[in-house]
């Protein structure tokens, strides 16, 4: 499994299990890079893919946060339509 996929899976599990509620801050790129012993760019890719999938919202200067349930459902539906 690619390293960025491991990070994605970790964050996904935290959000989907409810351990991290809506709007819970996700660790920074630097913190994830250190925690998983990867480059910051690898952590960045994981966060960006989660944002593209609608699981997190990234805001420059504020951070990355778990997304609301309604938004996640919308993004899942859009993804299913394109597959």
N, C-alpha and C. Protein backbone atom coordinates (compact mmCIF):
# COMPACT_ATOMS: atom_id res chain seq x y z
N UNK A 1 0.85 -1.18 0.00
CA UNK A 1 0.00 0.00 0.00
C UNK A 1 0.90 1.24 0.00
N UNK A 2 0.55 2.20 -0.83
CA UNK A 2 1.31 3.45 -0.90
C UNK A 2 1.22 4.19 0.44
N UNK A 3 2.26 4.93 0.77
CA UNK A 3 2.31 5.62 2.05
C UNK A 3 1.18 6.64 2.20
N UNK A 4 0.86 7.35 1.12
CA UNK A 4 -0.22 8.34 1.22
C UNK A 4 -1.55 7.64 1.47
N UNK A 5 -1.71 6.42 0.96
CA UNK A 5 -2.94 5.66 1.18
C UNK A 5 -3.10 5.27 2.65
N UNK A 6 -1.99 4.99 3.30
CA UNK A 6 -2.02 4.66 4.72
C UNK A 6 -2.51 5.86 5.53
N UNK A 7 -2.04 7.03 5.18
CA UNK A 7 -2.47 8.26 5.86
C UNK A 7 -3.95 8.51 5.60
N UNK A 8 -4.37 8.36 4.34
CA UNK A 8 -5.78 8.55 4.00
C UNK A 8 -6.66 7.60 4.80
N UNK A 9 -6.28 6.35 4.87
CA UNK A 9 -7.06 5.35 5.59
C UNK A 9 -7.17 5.70 7.07
N UNK A 10 -6.07 6.15 7.66
CA UNK A 10 -6.04 6.53 9.07
C UNK A 10 -7.05 7.66 9.33
N UNK A 11 -7.00 8.70 8.51
CA UNK A 11 -7.90 9.84 8.70
C UNK A 11 -9.34 9.43 8.42
N UNK A 12 -9.54 8.66 7.36
CA UNK A 12 -10.88 8.20 7.00
C UNK A 12 -11.51 7.44 8.16
N UNK A 13 -10.78 6.53 8.77
CA UNK A 13 -11.30 5.73 9.88
C UNK A 13 -11.67 6.60 11.07
N UNK A 14 -10.84 7.60 11.36
CA UNK A 14 -11.12 8.49 12.49
C UNK A 14 -12.42 9.27 12.27
N UNK A 15 -12.63 9.74 11.05
CA UNK A 15 -13.82 10.53 10.75
C UNK A 15 -15.06 9.65 10.68
N UNK A 16 -14.98 8.56 9.93
CA UNK A 16 -16.15 7.70 9.74
C UNK A 16 -16.58 7.00 11.03
N UNK A 17 -15.65 6.73 11.93
CA UNK A 17 -16.01 6.07 13.19
C UNK A 17 -16.67 7.04 14.16
N UNK A 18 -16.55 8.33 13.89
CA UNK A 18 -17.11 9.34 14.78
C UNK A 18 -16.12 9.79 15.85
N UNK A 19 -14.93 9.20 15.84
CA UNK A 19 -13.92 9.62 16.80
C UNK A 19 -13.58 11.09 16.60
N UNK A 20 -13.56 11.51 15.33
CA UNK A 20 -13.38 12.92 15.01
C UNK A 20 -14.72 13.44 14.49
N UNK A 21 -15.42 14.25 15.27
CA UNK A 21 -16.72 14.77 14.81
C UNK A 21 -16.55 15.82 13.70
N UNK A 22 -17.68 16.27 13.17
CA UNK A 22 -17.66 17.30 12.13
C UNK A 22 -16.84 18.48 12.61
N UNK A 23 -16.09 19.05 11.70
CA UNK A 23 -15.26 20.24 11.94
C UNK A 23 -14.10 19.99 12.91
N UNK A 24 -13.80 18.75 13.19
CA UNK A 24 -12.65 18.43 14.03
C UNK A 24 -11.38 18.71 13.22
N UNK A 25 -10.42 19.40 13.80
CA UNK A 25 -9.18 19.67 13.04
C UNK A 25 -8.39 18.40 12.78
N UNK A 26 -7.90 18.28 11.57
CA UNK A 26 -7.05 17.17 11.16
C UNK A 26 -5.61 17.65 11.33
N UNK A 27 -4.73 16.73 11.65
CA UNK A 27 -3.32 17.09 11.83
C UNK A 27 -2.77 17.80 10.60
N UNK A 28 -1.80 18.66 10.83
CA UNK A 28 -1.17 19.41 9.73
C UNK A 28 -0.35 18.48 8.86
N UNK A 29 0.01 18.96 7.68
CA UNK A 29 0.88 18.20 6.78
C UNK A 29 2.18 17.82 7.49
N UNK A 30 2.77 18.78 8.20
CA UNK A 30 4.03 18.52 8.89
C UNK A 30 3.86 17.48 9.99
N UNK A 31 2.78 17.57 10.75
CA UNK A 31 2.55 16.60 11.83
C UNK A 31 2.32 15.20 11.28
N UNK A 32 1.55 15.11 10.20
CA UNK A 32 1.31 13.80 9.58
C UNK A 32 2.60 13.23 9.01
N UNK A 33 3.39 14.09 8.39
CA UNK A 33 4.66 13.64 7.82
C UNK A 33 5.56 13.05 8.91
N UNK A 34 5.59 13.71 10.05
CA UNK A 34 6.41 13.22 11.15
C UNK A 34 5.84 11.93 11.73
N UNK A 35 4.52 11.90 11.93
CA UNK A 35 3.86 10.73 12.53
C UNK A 35 4.04 9.47 11.68
N UNK A 36 3.96 9.62 10.35
CA UNK A 36 4.03 8.47 9.46
C UNK A 36 5.40 8.30 8.79
N UNK A 37 6.35 9.13 9.18
CA UNK A 37 7.72 9.07 8.65
C UNK A 37 7.74 9.14 7.13
N UNK A 38 7.06 10.17 6.60
CA UNK A 38 7.00 10.40 5.16
C UNK A 38 7.34 11.86 4.90
N UNK A 39 7.47 12.22 3.63
CA UNK A 39 7.71 13.62 3.29
C UNK A 39 6.42 14.42 3.46
N UNK A 40 6.57 15.72 3.58
CA UNK A 40 5.40 16.59 3.69
C UNK A 40 4.54 16.49 2.44
N UNK A 41 5.16 16.31 1.29
CA UNK A 41 4.41 16.20 0.04
C UNK A 41 3.54 14.95 0.01
N UNK A 42 3.99 13.87 0.62
CA UNK A 42 3.18 12.66 0.71
C UNK A 42 1.96 12.91 1.58
N UNK A 43 2.17 13.58 2.72
CA UNK A 43 1.05 13.93 3.60
C UNK A 43 0.10 14.88 2.88
N UNK A 44 0.66 15.81 2.14
CA UNK A 44 -0.15 16.77 1.39
C UNK A 44 -1.04 16.06 0.37
N UNK A 45 -0.47 15.08 -0.32
CA UNK A 45 -1.26 14.33 -1.32
C UNK A 45 -2.42 13.61 -0.65
N UNK A 46 -2.18 13.00 0.50
CA UNK A 46 -3.25 12.31 1.21
C UNK A 46 -4.37 13.28 1.58
N UNK A 47 -4.02 14.43 2.13
CA UNK A 47 -5.02 15.42 2.52
C UNK A 47 -5.77 15.97 1.31
N UNK A 48 -5.05 16.20 0.22
CA UNK A 48 -5.70 16.74 -0.98
C UNK A 48 -6.68 15.72 -1.57
N UNK A 49 -6.31 14.46 -1.59
CA UNK A 49 -7.22 13.45 -2.11
C UNK A 49 -8.46 13.32 -1.23
N UNK A 50 -8.29 13.42 0.08
CA UNK A 50 -9.45 13.39 0.97
C UNK A 50 -10.34 14.61 0.73
N UNK A 51 -9.73 15.74 0.47
CA UNK A 51 -10.51 16.95 0.16
C UNK A 51 -11.25 16.78 -1.16
N UNK A 52 -10.60 16.20 -2.15
CA UNK A 52 -11.24 15.96 -3.44
C UNK A 52 -12.42 15.00 -3.31
N UNK A 53 -12.33 14.09 -2.35
CA UNK A 53 -13.39 13.11 -2.11
C UNK A 53 -14.48 13.66 -1.20
N UNK A 54 -14.27 14.87 -0.68
CA UNK A 54 -15.28 15.50 0.17
C UNK A 54 -15.25 15.08 1.62
N UNK A 55 -14.20 14.43 2.04
CA UNK A 55 -14.13 13.96 3.43
C UNK A 55 -13.59 15.03 4.36
N UNK A 56 -12.75 15.91 3.84
CA UNK A 56 -12.22 17.01 4.64
C UNK A 56 -12.34 18.31 3.85
N UNK A 57 -12.26 19.40 4.57
CA UNK A 57 -12.23 20.73 3.96
C UNK A 57 -10.90 21.36 4.34
N UNK A 58 -10.19 21.86 3.33
CA UNK A 58 -8.90 22.51 3.57
C UNK A 58 -9.06 24.01 3.37
N UNK A 59 -8.59 24.78 4.34
CA UNK A 59 -8.66 26.24 4.26
C UNK A 59 -7.28 26.79 4.53
N UNK A 60 -6.75 27.52 3.55
CA UNK A 60 -5.41 28.07 3.70
C UNK A 60 -5.36 28.98 4.91
N UNK A 61 -4.37 28.76 5.74
CA UNK A 61 -4.18 29.57 6.93
C UNK A 61 -4.96 29.10 8.14
N UNK A 62 -5.99 28.28 7.93
CA UNK A 62 -6.80 27.80 9.05
C UNK A 62 -6.56 26.32 9.33
N UNK A 63 -6.33 25.53 8.28
CA UNK A 63 -6.06 24.11 8.47
C UNK A 63 -7.02 23.23 7.71
N UNK A 64 -7.04 21.97 8.09
CA UNK A 64 -7.89 20.96 7.48
C UNK A 64 -8.84 20.44 8.54
N UNK A 65 -10.10 20.28 8.15
CA UNK A 65 -11.13 19.89 9.11
C UNK A 65 -12.02 18.81 8.52
N UNK A 66 -12.51 17.92 9.39
CA UNK A 66 -13.45 16.90 8.95
C UNK A 66 -14.69 17.57 8.41
N UNK A 67 -15.20 17.04 7.32
CA UNK A 67 -16.32 17.66 6.63
C UNK A 67 -17.65 17.21 7.21
N UNK A 68 -18.67 18.00 6.97
CA UNK A 68 -20.00 17.66 7.46
C UNK A 68 -20.56 16.46 6.70
N UNK A 69 -21.43 15.73 7.34
CA UNK A 69 -22.00 14.51 6.78
C UNK A 69 -22.70 14.76 5.46
N UNK A 70 -23.49 15.82 5.37
CA UNK A 70 -24.24 16.11 4.15
C UNK A 70 -23.31 16.32 2.97
N UNK A 71 -22.22 17.03 3.20
CA UNK A 71 -21.26 17.27 2.13
C UNK A 71 -20.59 15.97 1.70
N UNK A 72 -20.27 15.11 2.64
CA UNK A 72 -19.65 13.82 2.29
C UNK A 72 -20.60 12.98 1.45
N UNK A 73 -21.89 12.98 1.82
CA UNK A 73 -22.87 12.21 1.06
C UNK A 73 -22.98 12.74 -0.36
N UNK A 74 -22.98 14.05 -0.52
CA UNK A 74 -23.07 14.65 -1.84
C UNK A 74 -21.88 14.25 -2.70
N UNK A 75 -20.67 14.33 -2.14
CA UNK A 75 -19.47 13.98 -2.89
C UNK A 75 -19.45 12.50 -3.26
N UNK A 76 -19.93 11.65 -2.37
CA UNK A 76 -19.99 10.22 -2.68
C UNK A 76 -20.94 9.96 -3.85
N UNK A 77 -22.09 10.64 -3.83
CA UNK A 77 -23.05 10.47 -4.92
C UNK A 77 -22.44 10.94 -6.24
N UNK A 78 -21.74 12.06 -6.22
CA UNK A 78 -21.11 12.56 -7.44
C UNK A 78 -20.05 11.59 -7.95
N UNK A 79 -19.30 11.02 -7.04
CA UNK A 79 -18.25 10.08 -7.43
C UNK A 79 -18.87 8.82 -8.03
N UNK A 80 -19.97 8.34 -7.47
CA UNK A 80 -20.63 7.15 -7.99
C UNK A 80 -21.19 7.41 -9.39
N UNK A 81 -21.67 8.59 -9.62
CA UNK A 81 -22.22 8.92 -10.94
C UNK A 81 -21.16 8.94 -12.03
N UNK A 82 -19.94 9.30 -11.65
CA UNK A 82 -18.88 9.39 -12.65
C UNK A 82 -18.19 8.04 -12.89
N UNK A 83 -18.50 7.07 -12.06
CA UNK A 83 -17.85 5.75 -12.22
C UNK A 83 -18.65 4.84 -13.12
